Amino acid sequence: MEIVRPGPQALVQDLGRPGLAGLGVGRSGAADRRSLMLANRLVGNPETHAGVEITFGGLVVRFDEDALVAVTGAPCPLTAGVRAAGMYGPFRVRAGEELRFGRPGAGLRSYLAVRGGVDVPEVLGSRATDLLAGLGPDPLAEGTVLPIGRTALDYPCVDIAPQAPYPDQPVLRVLPGPRADWFVPDALESLCGGPYEVSPESNRIGVRLTGPRLHRPERELPPEAMVLGALQVPPSGQPILFLADHPVTGGYPVIGVVEPEDLHLAAQVRPGQRIRFRVTAR
């Protein structure tokens, strides 16, 4: 398949490179892993196959051969040739047709899976594009040709998957620590007390937030390990929520870590949208 227009950003993504943080290599992979895995299941792929992550629509891709595809994530208008297409269910695109993505009405990132998977070369065991480390395929551009693989499972036995609506103001559960004791006693209350607005400077590395300031002493940590979902707090007191391409180490304290089950919501928030946090305990 050939990229006719990439839109604001389109990347090849799979489930990333786990287990290499000790070498300084982050996991990367799809920002909304749940949506990519579902798209793969809908076309009968293993969940680990690579697809395309589309940020805020705008992608146009032409298929050189008939293909079975599915689109999940942020809901957006779709056309395959002259036909309207639906999300959250498999459909066929004919050879020579263009699949076009409109702007999503909610959420930020949509996922395209094609039966057989996107078969670009692996780098360190993954086909994912890591924007921070510069690993994997380049961001997709006009004229990029993506080979389609031939490895798939049995055809799916469902026509459509349920689609949960994206909340206007998602609430993300946070496990306190590991450096909550570096903050003033009521810092966690401040974190959960008011909404935070998503900054336009947010990306796949992290969601930058503006809202109640989290006060802490004027001192810094030596570099230490960072994980997906960490809420790192720089001297400004405005937290940064780490996403898929986050660094593996950092020198600012982490007040808490967002629960893994809520990270798909974090991956779908837009600049200007507000989110809230709720402290949980295990």
C-alpha atoms as a PDB file:
ATOM      1  CA  MET A   1       0.000   0.000   0.000  1.00  0.00           C
ATOM      2  CA  GLU A   2       1.195   3.521  -0.811  1.00  0.00           C
ATOM      3  CA  ILE A   3       0.844   6.657   1.296  1.00  0.00           C
ATOM      4  CA  VAL A   4      -0.841   9.354  -0.792  1.00  0.00           C
ATOM      5  CA  ARG A   5      -1.098  11.839   2.108  1.00  0.00           C
ATOM      6  CA  PRO A   6       0.090  11.136   5.657  1.00  0.00           C
ATOM      7  CA  GLY A   7      -2.044  13.727   7.450  1.00  0.00           C
ATOM      8  CA  PRO A   8      -0.565  15.474  10.524  1.00  0.00           C
ATOM      9  CA  GLN A   9       1.336  12.338  11.540  1.00  0.00           C
ATOM     10  CA  ALA A  10       1.199   8.671  10.555  1.00  0.00           C
ATOM     11  CA  LEU A  11       3.571   6.057  11.973  1.00  0.00           C
ATOM     12  CA  VAL A  12       4.134   2.327  11.707  1.00  0.00           C
ATOM     13  CA  GLN A  13       3.536   0.853  15.157  1.00  0.00           C
ATOM     14  CA  ASP A  14       3.308  -2.545  16.797  1.00  0.00           C
ATOM     15  CA  LEU A  15       3.530  -3.431  20.506  1.00  0.00           C
ATOM     16  CA  GLY A  16       7.091  -2.141  20.812  1.00  0.00           C
ATOM     17  CA  ARG A  17      10.408  -3.348  22.237  1.00  0.00           C
ATOM     18  CA  PRO A  18       9.877  -4.589  25.803  1.00  0.00           C
ATOM     19  CA  GLY A  19      12.790  -5.586  28.003  1.00  0.00           C
ATOM     20  CA  LEU A  20      15.491  -3.316  26.570  1.00  0.00           C
ATOM     21  CA  ALA A  21      15.368  -0.409  29.034  1.00  0.00           C
ATOM     22  CA  GLY A  22      18.610  -1.623  30.621  1.00  0.00           C
ATOM     23  CA  LEU A  23      20.272  -0.890  27.286  1.00  0.00           C
ATOM     24  CA  GLY A  24      18.728   2.573  27.119  1.00  0.00           C
ATOM     25  CA  VAL A  25      16.023   1.545  24.623  1.00  0.00           C
ATOM     26  CA  GLY A  26      12.425   2.319  25.495  1.00  0.00           C
ATOM     27  CA  ARG A  27       9.468   0.135  24.578  1.00  0.00           C
ATOM     28  CA  SER A  28       7.726   2.581  22.218  1.00  0.00           C
ATOM     29  CA  GLY A  29       4.917   0.943  20.199  1.00  0.00           C
ATOM     30  CA  ALA A  30       1.328   2.080  19.784  1.00  0.00           C
ATOM     31  CA  ALA A  31       0.284   4.884  22.115  1.00  0.00           C
ATOM     32  CA  ASP A  32      -3.152   3.255  22.422  1.00  0.00           C
ATOM     33  CA  ARG A  33      -2.173  -0.415  22.505  1.00  0.00           C
ATOM     34  CA  ARG A  34      -5.740  -1.553  23.148  1.00  0.00           C
ATOM     35  CA  SER A  35      -6.973  -0.054  19.865  1.00  0.00           C
ATOM     36  CA  LEU A  36      -4.140  -1.514  17.765  1.00  0.00           C
ATOM     37  CA  MET A  37      -4.631  -4.992  19.242  1.00  0.00           C
ATOM     38  CA  LEU A  38      -8.368  -4.825  18.539  1.00  0.00           C
ATOM     39  CA  ALA A  39      -7.801  -3.726  14.936  1.00  0.00           C
ATOM     40  CA  ASN A  40      -5.471  -6.681  14.430  1.00  0.00           C
ATOM     41  CA  ARG A  41      -7.968  -9.131  15.904  1.00  0.00           C
ATOM     42  CA  LEU A  42     -10.711  -7.827  13.618  1.00  0.00           C
ATOM     43  CA  VAL A  43      -8.738  -8.784  10.493  1.00  0.00           C
ATOM     44  CA  GLY A  44      -7.469 -12.079  11.893  1.00  0.00           C
ATOM     45  CA  ASN A  45      -3.924 -10.951  12.680  1.00  0.00           C
ATOM     46  CA  PRO A  46      -1.860 -11.775  15.745  1.00  0.00           C
ATOM     47  CA  GLU A  47      -2.103  -8.817  18.125  1.00  0.00           C
ATOM     48  CA  THR A  48       1.641  -8.239  17.688  1.00  0.00           C
ATOM     49  CA  HIS A  49       1.397  -7.367  13.976  1.00  0.00           C
ATOM     50  CA  ALA A  50       2.333  -3.856  12.885  1.00  0.00           C
ATOM     51  CA  GLY A  51      -0.286  -1.375  11.704  1.00  0.00           C
ATOM     52  CA  VAL A  52      -0.491   2.363  11.135  1.00  0.00           C
ATOM     53  CA  GLU A  53      -1.106   4.909  13.912  1.00  0.00           C
ATOM     54  CA  ILE A  54      -2.878   7.988  12.516  1.00  0.00           C
ATOM     55  CA  THR A  55      -2.887  11.231  14.508  1.00  0.00           C
ATOM     56  CA  PHE A  56      -5.961  13.418  13.929  1.00  0.00           C
ATOM     57  CA  GLY A  57      -6.977  11.853  10.646  1.00  0.00           C
ATOM     58  CA  GLY A  58      -6.002  13.114   7.214  1.00  0.00           C
ATOM     59  CA  LEU A  59      -4.366   9.879   6.007  1.00  0.00           C
ATOM     60  CA  VAL A  60      -4.935   8.775   2.414  1.00  0.00           C
ATOM     61  CA  VAL A  61      -3.535   5.372   1.434  1.00  0.00           C
ATOM     62  CA  ARG A  62      -3.825   3.553  -1.914  1.00  0.00           C
ATOM     63  CA  PHE A  63      -3.902  -0.237  -2.085  1.00  0.00           C
ATOM     64  CA  ASP A  64      -2.241  -2.048  -4.992  1.00  0.00           C
ATOM     65  CA  GLU A  65      -4.118  -5.268  -4.218  1.00  0.00           C
ATOM     66  CA  ASP A  66      -7.348  -6.278  -2.521  1.00  0.00           C
ATOM     67  CA  ALA A  67      -6.997  -6.075   1.250  1.00  0.00           C
ATOM     68  CA  LEU A  68      -9.025  -6.765   4.380  1.00  0.00           C
ATOM     69  CA  VAL A  69      -8.633  -3.870   6.818  1.00  0.00           C
ATOM     70  CA  ALA A  70     -10.048  -2.557  10.088  1.00  0.00           C
ATOM     71  CA  VAL A  71      -9.865   0.850  11.750  1.00  0.00           C
ATOM     72  CA  THR A  72     -10.215   1.445  15.491  1.00  0.00           C
ATOM     73  CA  GLY A  73      -9.381   4.174  17.991  1.00  0.00           C
ATOM     74  CA  ALA A  74     -10.531   7.776  17.518  1.00  0.00           C
ATOM     75  CA  PRO A  75     -13.740   7.604  15.439  1.00  0.00           C
ATOM     76  CA  CYS A  76     -13.422   9.360  12.086  1.00  0.00           C
ATOM     77  CA  PRO A  77     -15.217   9.365   8.702  1.00  0.00           C
ATOM     78  CA  LEU A  78     -13.841   6.747   6.296  1.00  0.00           C
ATOM     79  CA  THR A  79     -14.214   6.209   2.574  1.00  0.00           C
ATOM     80  CA  ALA A  80     -12.870   3.299   0.540  1.00  0.00           C
ATOM     81  CA  GLY A  81     -12.985   4.405  -3.087  1.00  0.00           C
ATOM     82  CA  VAL A  82     -16.439   5.949  -3.478  1.00  0.00           C
ATOM     83  CA  ARG A  83     -17.947   3.875  -0.657  1.00  0.00           C
ATOM     84  CA  ALA A  84     -18.410   4.943   2.940  1.00  0.00           C
ATOM     85  CA  ALA A  85     -16.740   2.556   5.364  1.00  0.00           C
ATOM     86  CA  GLY A  86     -17.321   1.891   9.040  1.00  0.00           C
ATOM     87  CA  MET A  87     -14.991   1.620  11.978  1.00  0.00           C
ATOM     88  CA  TYR A  88     -14.638  -1.214  14.482  1.00  0.00           C
ATOM     89  CA  GLY A  89     -15.338  -3.903  11.924  1.00  0.00           C
ATOM     90  CA  PRO A  90     -13.440  -5.534   9.040  1.00  0.00           C
ATOM     91  CA  PHE A  91     -14.079  -4.368   5.471  1.00  0.00           C
ATOM     92  CA  ARG A  92     -12.444  -4.856   2.082  1.00  0.00           C
ATOM     93  CA  VAL A  93     -10.564  -2.298   0.039  1.00  0.00           C
ATOM     94  CA  ARG A  94     -10.223  -3.171  -3.643  1.00  0.00           C
ATOM     95  CA  ALA A  95      -7.033  -2.936  -5.673  1.00  0.00           C
ATOM     96  CA  GLY A  96      -6.505   0.635  -6.886  1.00  0.00           C
ATOM     97  CA  GLU A  97      -8.842   2.193  -4.315  1.00  0.00           C
ATOM     98  CA  GLU A  98      -7.865   4.876  -1.842  1.00  0.00           C
ATOM     99  CA  LEU A  99      -8.787   4.630   1.828  1.00  0.00           C
ATOM    100  CA  ARG A 100      -9.353   8.139   3.212  1.00  0.00           C
ATOM    101  CA  PHE A 101      -9.504   9.226   6.860  1.00  0.00           C
ATOM    102  CA  GLY A 102     -11.435  12.315   7.937  1.00  0.00           C
ATOM    103  CA  ARG A 103     -10.902  14.233  11.167  1.00  0.00           C
ATOM    104  CA  PRO A 104     -12.009  12.362  14.297  1.00  0.00           C
ATOM    105  CA  GLY A 105     -14.974  13.702  16.209  1.00  0.00           C
ATOM    106  CA  ALA A 106     -13.446  12.604  19.518  1.00  0.00           C
ATOM    107  CA  GLY A 107     -10.086  11.234  20.552  1.00  0.00           C
ATOM    108  CA  LEU A 108      -6.770  11.804  18.791  1.00  0.00           C
ATOM    109  CA  ARG A 109      -5.293   8.579  17.377  1.00  0.00           C
ATOM    110  CA  SER A 110      -6.835   6.023  15.015  1.00  0.00           C
ATOM    111  CA  TYR A 111      -5.333   2.657  14.042  1.00  0.00           C
ATOM    112  CA  LEU A 112      -5.316   0.905  10.673  1.00  0.00           C
ATOM    113  CA  ALA A 113      -4.690  -2.836  10.552  1.00  0.00           C
ATOM    114  CA  VAL A 114      -4.425  -4.781   7.303  1.00  0.00           C
ATOM    115  CA  ARG A 115      -4.661  -8.561   7.157  1.00  0.00           C
ATOM    116  CA  GLY A 116      -1.095  -9.880   7.079  1.00  0.00           C
ATOM    117  CA  GLY A 117       0.305  -6.824   8.847  1.00  0.00           C
ATOM    118  CA  VAL A 118       2.627  -4.038   7.732  1.00  0.00           C
ATOM    119  CA  ASP A 119       5.791  -5.944   6.847  1.00  0.00           C
ATOM    120  CA  VAL A 120       8.596  -3.379   7.148  1.00  0.00           C
ATOM    121  CA  PRO A 121      12.002  -4.582   8.472  1.00  0.00           C
ATOM    122  CA  GLU A 122      12.327  -5.079  12.217  1.00  0.00           C
ATOM    123  CA  VAL A 123      14.745  -3.052  14.343  1.00  0.00           C
ATOM    124  CA  LEU A 124      15.635  -4.696  17.659  1.00  0.00           C
ATOM    125  CA  GLY A 125      12.742  -7.091  17.275  1.00  0.00           C
ATOM    126  CA  SER A 126      10.044  -4.533  16.500  1.00  0.00           C
ATOM    127  CA  ARG A 127       8.646  -2.536  13.584  1.00  0.00           C
ATOM    128  CA  ALA A 128       7.635   0.377  15.834  1.00  0.00           C
ATOM    129  CA  THR A 129       8.687   3.964  15.152  1.00  0.00           C
ATOM    130  CA  ASP A 130      10.296   5.477  18.275  1.00  0.00           C
ATOM    131  CA  LEU A 131      10.359   9.247  17.767  1.00  0.00           C
ATOM    132  CA  LEU A 132      12.603   9.914  20.774  1.00  0.00           C
ATOM    133  CA  ALA A 133      15.248   7.280  20.049  1.00  0.00           C
ATOM    134  CA  GLY A 134      15.011   7.521  16.258  1.00  0.00           C
ATOM    135  CA  LEU A 135      14.521   3.760  15.888  1.00  0.00           C
ATOM    136  CA  GLY A 136      12.317   1.992  13.393  1.00  0.00           C
ATOM    137  CA  PRO A 137      10.765   3.302  10.176  1.00  0.00           C
ATOM    138  CA  ASP A 138      10.686   7.013   9.423  1.00  0.00           C
ATOM    139  CA  PRO A 139       7.346   8.793   9.900  1.00  0.00           C
ATOM    140  CA  LEU A 140       5.210   8.052   6.873  1.00  0.00           C
ATOM    141  CA  ALA A 141       5.425  10.564   4.027  1.00  0.00           C
ATOM    142  CA  GLU A 142       3.867  11.024   0.613  1.00  0.00           C
ATOM    143  CA  GLY A 143       5.038   8.217  -1.636  1.00  0.00           C
ATOM    144  CA  THR A 144       6.035   5.810   1.149  1.00  0.00           C
ATOM    145  CA  VAL A 145       5.270   2.240   0.105  1.00  0.00           C
ATOM    146  CA  LEU A 146       4.460  -0.250   2.857  1.00  0.00           C
ATOM    147  CA  PRO A 147       4.657  -3.976   2.078  1.00  0.00           C
ATOM    148  CA  ILE A 148       1.825  -6.156   3.369  1.00  0.00           C
ATOM    149  CA  GLY A 149       2.754  -9.431   5.043  1.00  0.00           C
ATOM    150  CA  ARG A 150       1.221 -12.849   4.444  1.00  0.00           C
ATOM    151  CA  THR A 151       1.124 -14.258   7.973  1.00  0.00           C
ATOM    152  CA  ALA A 152      -2.337 -14.254   9.535  1.00  0.00           C
ATOM    153  CA  LEU A 153      -4.668 -16.365  11.641  1.00  0.00           C
ATOM    154  CA  ASP A 154      -8.152 -17.672  10.863  1.00  0.00           C
ATOM    155  CA  TYR A 155     -10.632 -15.084   9.630  1.00  0.00           C
ATOM    156  CA  PRO A 156     -12.517 -13.371  12.461  1.00  0.00           C
ATOM    157  CA  CYS A 157     -16.004 -14.574  13.305  1.00  0.00           C
ATOM    158  CA  VAL A 158     -17.350 -11.106  14.231  1.00  0.00           C
ATOM    159  CA  ASP A 159     -18.671  -8.317  12.011  1.00  0.00           C
ATOM    160  CA  ILE A 160     -18.284  -5.449  14.441  1.00  0.00           C
ATOM    161  CA  ALA A 161     -16.763  -4.776  17.862  1.00  0.00           C
ATOM    162  CA  PRO A 162     -18.368  -2.598  20.547  1.00  0.00           C
ATOM    163  CA  GLN A 163     -17.069   0.961  20.679  1.00  0.00           C
ATOM    164  CA  ALA A 164     -16.869   2.735  24.031  1.00  0.00           C
ATOM    165  CA  PRO A 165     -17.309   6.516  23.784  1.00  0.00           C
ATOM    166  CA  TYR A 166     -14.371   8.725  24.710  1.00  0.00           C
ATOM    167  CA  PRO A 167     -15.185  10.836  27.785  1.00  0.00           C
ATOM    168  CA  ASP A 168     -14.981  14.612  27.486  1.00  0.00           C
ATOM    169  CA  GLN A 169     -13.000  14.766  30.734  1.00  0.00           C
ATOM    170  CA  PRO A 170     -11.388  11.377  31.416  1.00  0.00           C
ATOM    171  CA  VAL A 171     -10.466  10.387  34.948  1.00  0.00           C
ATOM    172  CA  LEU A 172      -7.136   8.565  35.204  1.00  0.00           C
ATOM    173  CA  ARG A 173      -6.351   6.412  38.217  1.00  0.00           C
ATOM    174  CA  VAL A 174      -2.932   7.028  39.788  1.00  0.00           C
ATOM    175  CA  LEU A 175      -0.845   4.799  42.029  1.00  0.00           C
ATOM    176  CA  PRO A 176       1.177   7.127  44.354  1.00  0.00           C
ATOM    177  CA  GLY A 177       4.966   7.097  44.305  1.00  0.00           C
ATOM    178  CA  PRO A 178       7.735   6.247  44.038  1.00  0.00           C
ATOM    179  CA  ARG A 179       8.707   9.846  44.984  1.00  0.00           C
ATOM    180  CA  ALA A 180       5.496  11.186  46.506  1.00  0.00           C
ATOM    181  CA  ASP A 181       7.443  11.926  49.702  1.00  0.00           C
ATOM    182  CA  TRP A 182       9.438  14.571  47.823  1.00  0.00           C
ATOM    183  CA  PHE A 183       6.367  16.796  47.639  1.00  0.00           C
ATOM    184  CA  VAL A 184       4.483  18.883  50.182  1.00  0.00           C
ATOM    185  CA  PRO A 185       1.965  16.800  52.227  1.00  0.00           C
ATOM    186  CA  ASP A 186      -1.096  17.932  50.251  1.00  0.00           C
ATOM    187  CA  ALA A 187       0.450  17.483  46.774  1.00  0.00           C
ATOM    188  CA  LEU A 188      -1.599  14.369  45.966  1.00  0.00           C
ATOM    189  CA  GLU A 189      -4.730  16.243  47.010  1.00  0.00           C
ATOM    190  CA  SER A 190      -3.764  19.036  44.632  1.00  0.00           C
ATOM    191  CA  LEU A 191      -3.169  16.526  41.846  1.00  0.00           C
ATOM    192  CA  CYS A 192      -6.664  15.131  42.292  1.00  0.00           C
ATOM    193  CA  GLY A 193      -8.362  18.375  43.295  1.00  0.00           C
ATOM    194  CA  GLY A 194      -8.771  20.123  39.988  1.00  0.00           C
ATOM    195  CA  PRO A 195      -8.644  19.426  36.270  1.00  0.00           C
ATOM    196  CA  TYR A 196      -5.464  19.668  34.218  1.00  0.00           C
ATOM    197  CA  GLU A 197      -5.484  20.978  30.660  1.00  0.00           C
ATOM    198  CA  VAL A 198      -3.541  19.194  27.914  1.00  0.00           C
ATOM    199  CA  SER A 199      -0.864  21.457  26.448  1.00  0.00           C
ATOM    200  CA  PRO A 200      -0.367  21.827  22.665  1.00  0.00           C
ATOM    201  CA  GLU A 201       3.266  20.797  23.317  1.00  0.00           C
ATOM    202  CA  SER A 202       2.124  17.227  24.064  1.00  0.00           C
ATOM    203  CA  ASN A 203       3.202  14.322  21.854  1.00  0.00           C
ATOM    204  CA  ARG A 204       3.938  10.577  21.957  1.00  0.00           C
ATOM    205  CA  ILE A 205       6.759  11.214  24.444  1.00  0.00           C
ATOM    206  CA  GLY A 206       4.547  12.822  27.040  1.00  0.00           C
ATOM    207  CA  VAL A 207       1.326  14.710  27.749  1.00  0.00           C
ATOM    208  CA  ARG A 208       2.272  18.102  29.181  1.00  0.00           C
ATOM    209  CA  LEU A 209      -0.335  19.386  31.604  1.00  0.00           C
ATOM    210  CA  THR A 210      -1.247  22.771  33.064  1.00  0.00           C
ATOM    211  CA  GLY A 211      -3.242  23.035  36.258  1.00  0.00           C
ATOM    212  CA  PRO A 212      -2.740  23.002  40.028  1.00  0.00           C
ATOM    213  CA  ARG A 213       0.962  23.354  40.797  1.00  0.00           C
ATOM    214  CA  LEU A 214       2.583  20.482  42.692  1.00  0.00           C
ATOM    215  CA  HIS A 215       5.021  22.016  45.148  1.00  0.00           C
ATOM    216  CA  ARG A 216       8.302  20.342  46.077  1.00  0.00           C
ATOM    217  CA  PRO A 217      11.708  21.378  47.474  1.00  0.00           C
ATOM    218  CA  GLU A 218      14.222  22.971  45.110  1.00  0.00           C
ATOM    219  CA  ARG A 219      16.405  19.901  44.668  1.00  0.00           C
ATOM    220  CA  GLU A 220      16.892  17.320  41.962  1.00  0.00           C
ATOM    221  CA  LEU A 221      17.314  13.567  41.796  1.00  0.00           C
ATOM    222  CA  PRO A 222      20.139  11.702  40.127  1.00  0.00           C
ATOM    223  CA  PRO A 223      18.846  10.069  36.919  1.00  0.00           C
ATOM    224  CA  GLU A 224      16.610   7.087  37.683  1.00  0.00           C
ATOM    225  CA  ALA A 225      14.400   4.702  35.735  1.00  0.00           C
ATOM    226  CA  MET A 226      11.145   5.987  34.216  1.00  0.00           C
ATOM    227  CA  VAL A 227       8.133   3.899  33.243  1.00  0.00           C
ATOM    228  CA  LEU A 228       5.133   4.251  30.961  1.00  0.00           C
ATOM    229  CA  GLY A 229       2.443   6.286  32.706  1.00  0.00           C
ATOM    230  CA  ALA A 230       4.818   8.053  35.111  1.00  0.00           C
ATOM    231  CA  LEU A 231       3.791  11.543  36.261  1.00  0.00           C
ATOM    232  CA  GLN A 232       7.101  13.383  36.347  1.00  0.00           C
ATOM    233  CA  VAL A 233       7.129  16.850  37.896  1.00  0.00           C
ATOM    234  CA  PRO A 234       9.746  19.402  36.746  1.00  0.00           C
ATOM    235  CA  PRO A 235      10.550  22.588  38.732  1.00  0.00           C
ATOM    236  CA  SER A 236       7.513  24.345  37.212  1.00  0.00           C
ATOM    237  CA  GLY A 237       5.272  22.040  39.264  1.00  0.00           C
ATOM    238  CA  GLN A 238       3.265  21.137  36.137  1.00  0.00           C
ATOM    239  CA  PRO A 239       3.222  17.347  35.639  1.00  0.00           C
ATOM    240  CA  ILE A 240       4.185  15.490  32.470  1.00  0.00           C
ATOM    241  CA  LEU A 241       2.459  12.162  31.813  1.00  0.00           C
ATOM    242  CA  PHE A 242       4.861   9.820  30.002  1.00  0.00           C
ATOM    243  CA  LEU A 243       3.507   8.013  26.948  1.00  0.00           C
ATOM    244  CA  ALA A 244       4.896   5.399  24.550  1.00  0.00           C
ATOM    245  CA  ASP A 245       8.142   7.135  23.488  1.00  0.00           C
ATOM    246  CA  HIS A 246       9.132   8.339  26.961  1.00  0.00           C
ATOM    247  CA  PRO A 247      12.802   8.429  28.051  1.00  0.00           C
ATOM    248  CA  VAL A 248      14.040   5.501  30.122  1.00  0.00           C
ATOM    249  CA  THR A 249      15.645   7.736  32.768  1.00  0.00           C
ATOM    250  CA  GLY A 250      14.918  11.161  34.239  1.00  0.00           C
ATOM    251  CA  GLY A 251      16.027  13.480  37.012  1.00  0.00           C
ATOM    252  CA  TYR A 252      12.689  14.906  38.176  1.00  0.00           C
ATOM    253  CA  PRO A 253      10.646  13.158  40.880  1.00  0.00           C
ATOM    254  CA  VAL A 254       7.630  11.014  39.936  1.00  0.00           C
ATOM    255  CA  ILE A 255       4.644  11.675  42.169  1.00  0.00           C
ATOM    256  CA  GLY A 256       2.620   8.758  40.814  1.00  0.00           C
ATOM    257  CA  VAL A 257       2.050   6.360  37.926  1.00  0.00           C
ATOM    258  CA  VAL A 258      -1.165   6.103  35.921  1.00  0.00           C
ATOM    259  CA  GLU A 259      -2.755   2.660  36.006  1.00  0.00           C
ATOM    260  CA  PRO A 260      -1.955   0.681  32.813  1.00  0.00           C
ATOM    261  CA  GLU A 261      -5.680   0.051  32.203  1.00  0.00           C
ATOM    262  CA  ASP A 262      -6.231   3.829  31.810  1.00  0.00           C
ATOM    263  CA  LEU A 263      -3.335   4.614  29.464  1.00  0.00           C
ATOM    264  CA  HIS A 264      -5.486   4.145  26.351  1.00  0.00           C
ATOM    265  CA  LEU A 265      -7.507   7.149  27.551  1.00  0.00           C
ATOM    266  CA  ALA A 266      -4.353   9.194  28.087  1.00  0.00           C
ATOM    267  CA  ALA A 267      -3.220   8.365  24.539  1.00  0.00           C
ATOM    268  CA  GLN A 268      -6.448   9.826  23.126  1.00  0.00           C
ATOM    269  CA  VAL A 269      -6.598  13.234  24.850  1.00  0.00           C
ATOM    270  CA  ARG A 270      -6.327  16.320  22.649  1.00  0.00           C
ATOM    271  CA  PRO A 271      -4.634  19.682  23.263  1.00  0.00           C
ATOM    272  CA  GLY A 272      -7.061  21.874  25.178  1.00  0.00           C
ATOM    273  CA  GLN A 273      -8.927  18.897  26.649  1.00  0.00           C
ATOM    274  CA  ARG A 274      -9.099  18.532  30.419  1.00  0.00           C
ATOM    275  CA  ILE A 275      -8.365  15.433  32.486  1.00  0.00           C
ATOM    276  CA  ARG A 276      -8.608  14.544  36.156  1.00  0.00           C
ATOM    277  CA  PHE A 277      -6.697  12.158  38.384  1.00  0.00           C
ATOM    278  CA  ARG A 278      -7.888   9.868  41.154  1.00  0.00           C
ATOM    279  CA  VAL A 279      -5.510   8.206  43.593  1.00  0.00           C
ATOM    280  CA  THR A 280      -5.893   4.476  43.925  1.00  0.00           C
ATOM    281  CA  ALA A 281      -4.107   1.833  45.995  1.00  0.00           C
ATOM    282  CA  ARG A 282      -3.330  -1.802  45.326  1.00  0.00           C
END
